[in-house]
């Protein structure tokens, strides 16, 4: 999707979510930054995903218990975000 529509922030956000789920936090952070820039900071979901990636990057010594505190949530057909488990 990002190669077909490189200026579409939701595609970049979704790629970031996939990278986070795969444990590639640093790569996800960079992708979320790109999505946030393309979106001009207007999407709460992209901003929240970037915030989560930044927090996880700063806390490199996270445990399996900490990994499980977020879940992937689909919002609509093409929009995904990470949400904190309750």
C-alpha atoms as a PDB file:
ATOM      1  CA  UNK A   1       0.000   0.000   0.000  1.00  0.00           C
ATOM      2  CA  UNK A   2       2.803   2.447   0.804  1.00  0.00           C
ATOM      3  CA  UNK A   3       4.419   1.906  -2.591  1.00  0.00           C
ATOM      4  CA  UNK A   4       1.084   2.409  -4.381  1.00  0.00           C
ATOM      5  CA  UNK A   5       0.130   5.506  -2.348  1.00  0.00           C
ATOM      6  CA  UNK A   6       3.271   6.951  -0.738  1.00  0.00           C
ATOM      7  CA  UNK A   7       1.468  10.089   0.480  1.00  0.00           C
ATOM      8  CA  UNK A   8      -1.345   8.209   2.269  1.00  0.00           C
ATOM      9  CA  UNK A   9      -0.712   8.489   6.039  1.00  0.00           C
ATOM     10  CA  UNK A  10      -3.067   5.630   6.977  1.00  0.00           C
ATOM     11  CA  UNK A  11      -1.022   3.166   4.921  1.00  0.00           C
ATOM     12  CA  UNK A  12       2.154   4.232   6.731  1.00  0.00           C
ATOM     13  CA  UNK A  13       0.350   4.033  10.078  1.00  0.00           C
ATOM     14  CA  UNK A  14      -0.810   0.492   9.300  1.00  0.00           C
ATOM     15  CA  UNK A  15       2.750  -0.498   8.336  1.00  0.00           C
ATOM     16  CA  UNK A  16       3.940   0.897  11.666  1.00  0.00           C
ATOM     17  CA  UNK A  17       1.351  -1.186  13.514  1.00  0.00           C
ATOM     18  CA  UNK A  18       2.512  -4.330  11.699  1.00  0.00           C
ATOM     19  CA  UNK A  19       6.120  -3.568  12.637  1.00  0.00           C
ATOM     20  CA  UNK A  20       5.134  -3.006  16.286  1.00  0.00           C
ATOM     21  CA  UNK A  21       3.299  -6.343  16.331  1.00  0.00           C
ATOM     22  CA  UNK A  22       6.435  -7.964  14.887  1.00  0.00           C
ATOM     23  CA  UNK A  23       8.547  -6.472  17.697  1.00  0.00           C
ATOM     24  CA  UNK A  24      10.375  -4.035  15.408  1.00  0.00           C
ATOM     25  CA  UNK A  25       9.776  -1.005  17.589  1.00  0.00           C
ATOM     26  CA  UNK A  26      12.535   1.249  16.266  1.00  0.00           C
ATOM     27  CA  UNK A  27      11.479   0.701  12.666  1.00  0.00           C
ATOM     28  CA  UNK A  28       7.843   1.274  13.657  1.00  0.00           C
ATOM     29  CA  UNK A  29       8.775   4.553  15.342  1.00  0.00           C
ATOM     30  CA  UNK A  30      10.304   5.867  12.109  1.00  0.00           C
ATOM     31  CA  UNK A  31       7.260   4.785  10.088  1.00  0.00           C
ATOM     32  CA  UNK A  32       4.870   6.412  12.580  1.00  0.00           C
ATOM     33  CA  UNK A  33       6.917   9.628  12.350  1.00  0.00           C
ATOM     34  CA  UNK A  34       6.465   9.582   8.573  1.00  0.00           C
ATOM     35  CA  UNK A  35       2.717   8.914   8.905  1.00  0.00           C
ATOM     36  CA  UNK A  36       2.406  11.719  11.450  1.00  0.00           C
ATOM     37  CA  UNK A  37       4.237  14.146   9.157  1.00  0.00           C
ATOM     38  CA  UNK A  38       2.135  13.181   6.138  1.00  0.00           C
ATOM     39  CA  UNK A  39      -1.017  13.669   8.221  1.00  0.00           C
ATOM     40  CA  UNK A  40       0.165  17.035   9.592  1.00  0.00           C
ATOM     41  CA  UNK A  41      -0.491  15.708  13.089  1.00  0.00           C
ATOM     42  CA  UNK A  42      -4.270  15.613  12.564  1.00  0.00           C
ATOM     43  CA  UNK A  43      -4.920  11.944  13.366  1.00  0.00           C
ATOM     44  CA  UNK A  44      -5.269  11.010  17.023  1.00  0.00           C
ATOM     45  CA  UNK A  45      -4.641   7.337  16.175  1.00  0.00           C
ATOM     46  CA  UNK A  46      -1.348   8.055  14.404  1.00  0.00           C
ATOM     47  CA  UNK A  47      -0.237  10.380  17.202  1.00  0.00           C
ATOM     48  CA  UNK A  48      -1.093   7.765  19.831  1.00  0.00           C
ATOM     49  CA  UNK A  49       0.711   5.030  17.910  1.00  0.00           C
ATOM     50  CA  UNK A  50       3.805   7.233  17.634  1.00  0.00           C
ATOM     51  CA  UNK A  51       3.631   7.986  21.355  1.00  0.00           C
ATOM     52  CA  UNK A  52       3.456   4.262  22.173  1.00  0.00           C
ATOM     53  CA  UNK A  53       6.390   3.478  19.873  1.00  0.00           C
ATOM     54  CA  UNK A  54       8.461   6.259  21.450  1.00  0.00           C
ATOM     55  CA  UNK A  55       7.680   5.002  24.953  1.00  0.00           C
ATOM     56  CA  UNK A  56       8.615   1.442  24.015  1.00  0.00           C
ATOM     57  CA  UNK A  57      11.840   2.612  22.336  1.00  0.00           C
ATOM     58  CA  UNK A  58      12.850   4.475  25.502  1.00  0.00           C
ATOM     59  CA  UNK A  59      12.086   1.389  27.601  1.00  0.00           C
ATOM     60  CA  UNK A  60      14.262  -1.126  25.739  1.00  0.00           C
ATOM     61  CA  UNK A  61      14.322  -3.478  28.709  1.00  0.00           C
ATOM     62  CA  UNK A  62      10.612  -4.292  28.509  1.00  0.00           C
ATOM     63  CA  UNK A  63       9.346  -7.683  29.613  1.00  0.00           C
ATOM     64  CA  UNK A  64       6.827 -10.063  28.052  1.00  0.00           C
ATOM     65  CA  UNK A  65       4.250  -8.730  30.507  1.00  0.00           C
ATOM     66  CA  UNK A  66       4.810  -5.191  29.213  1.00  0.00           C
ATOM     67  CA  UNK A  67       4.571  -6.365  25.603  1.00  0.00           C
ATOM     68  CA  UNK A  68       1.078  -7.700  26.285  1.00  0.00           C
ATOM     69  CA  UNK A  69      -0.273  -4.405  27.605  1.00  0.00           C
ATOM     70  CA  UNK A  70      -1.204  -3.189  24.098  1.00  0.00           C
ATOM     71  CA  UNK A  71      -3.548  -4.719  21.539  1.00  0.00           C
ATOM     72  CA  UNK A  72      -4.161  -4.151  17.847  1.00  0.00           C
ATOM     73  CA  UNK A  73      -7.565  -2.633  17.072  1.00  0.00           C
ATOM     74  CA  UNK A  74      -9.109  -2.158  13.630  1.00  0.00           C
ATOM     75  CA  UNK A  75     -10.993   1.098  13.127  1.00  0.00           C
ATOM     76  CA  UNK A  76     -12.875   0.894   9.855  1.00  0.00           C
ATOM     77  CA  UNK A  77     -11.676  -1.010   6.812  1.00  0.00           C
ATOM     78  CA  UNK A  78      -8.156   0.401   6.472  1.00  0.00           C
ATOM     79  CA  UNK A  79      -7.294   2.038   9.788  1.00  0.00           C
ATOM     80  CA  UNK A  80      -5.531   0.302  12.661  1.00  0.00           C
ATOM     81  CA  UNK A  81      -4.236   1.501  15.996  1.00  0.00           C
ATOM     82  CA  UNK A  82      -2.605   0.178  19.136  1.00  0.00           C
ATOM     83  CA  UNK A  83      -4.669   0.453  22.314  1.00  0.00           C
ATOM     84  CA  UNK A  84      -3.718  -0.136  25.880  1.00  0.00           C
ATOM     85  CA  UNK A  85      -5.319  -3.247  27.401  1.00  0.00           C
ATOM     86  CA  UNK A  86      -7.629  -2.560  30.306  1.00  0.00           C
END
